[in-house]
Amino acid sequence: MTARADVPSSRWRWPRPRTRPALKLLAFGLVLGVWQGSAVRLMQLMRPEPGHWAPAFIWEMTSALAVTLLLPVLMTAVLNAPSPRVGWARFLGIHAAAFTVFTSLHIALMAGLRHGVYALMELGDYDLGPPVYALPMEAQKDLITYGLGCAVIALLYEWRERQARALRSAELEGELRAAQLQSLTGQLHPHFLFNALHTIGSVMYEDLPRTDRLLSDLGQLLRASLERTEPTWTLAEERGHTERFVALLAARFGDRLEVRWDVAPGLESQRVPCFALQTLVENAVKHNQDLRGALEVRIRARAEADRWALEVEDTGRGFGAASPASGPGVGLTQLERVLTLLHGDRARLERGAGPEGGARVTVWLPREAARVEAS
């Protein structure tokens, strides 16, 4: 069904009934007719001479069937009549015309059906009664039927419109969420690309095999950044990506950078935000790149009850001390937003200090959100 609008439109709109709902409405009309017919028959049985049983059911069933067949008239009126607060003249005009069509067709269709059924059942001729009385009586009953029918149809259209708006809102929210995740986790930072290309350029005339490996690592990093279709992947994939990232860092910083891994068994298939480790490692290196001594970065993954932790700790200056790269911590802030988009309050990022005074960042993730691969 087409959603109802509350503003006048120059384009006349028509209902689009579907076969299955139409058949259900037809069946409902017949059942309602039988129910009403039984009520009329019980009333007749209270009389001394109740008469034949069939007319009561014929009257009510033909009336209900005719109303059901004419529901498109009511639907058309509701679709095209604006809300009274928008335009009373159009509202009353459309409904007055629709009611005239509805009651005329209803009386004609109902009388025709009754004549036919009376003839088939050999009940004689059906007599609607003197038109001067019968037509106003039927019109009064039809006015109640028309009003109730339009009210139900209007409520149904409003409910369907709200459902459609809620669905569109959910779809837009999902698209916005996907776009936010794509924006937050989508690309390598330009300064890293510049430094990586500068490093590769500085060794390409001295060590061709190493240059080839570094170009391969950089190519795979770019491919992962550009071809990624989901906001998460497994810890094993994240580790492989981060190891290529670390290889390019190691080529630049040499012995001044050492990375250690400590991943608990069974966590490789857990899902993590794409480039989460890369962000944490890059953050640790960036804020300590001016140190003269060696920098050790420790990457750990450990399980705890219904959650697990991904932790990056360094032996640098820590969060409290200023560095040439001091700033608002954009990388960690973006990672926090990614965690919120993915898991809400079930995931969080904690900042702290390591045992040697360096920075420690721990990302807590829910284990139930992980996709465990079949062994």
Foldseek 3Di string as FASTA:
>chain_A
DDFADQAADPDQDFDDDDDPVLVVLLVVLQVQLQVQLVVVQVVLVVDPDSDDSPPSSLLSSLLSNLLSVLLRLLLSLLRRAHDVVRPVVSNVVSLVVSLVVSLVSSVVSSQVSSQVVCVVVVVDGDDQDDCVPSSVVSSVVSVVVSVVSNVVSNVVSVVVVVVVVVVVVVVVVVVVLQVLLCVLQQDDDPVLVVLLVVLLVVCCVPDVVLSVLLVVLVVVLGCCRHVDDDQKFFQLVQVVNVVSVVSSVCSRVPQQEAEEEAEDPPRRQFIDGHCLVVLVVCVQCVQAVPDPHHKYKYWYWADDVQKIKTKIWMLGQADVDHGPPDDDSSSVVSRQVNCCSVPNVQKGKDWDADPNGYIMIMIMHGRVPGDRDDD
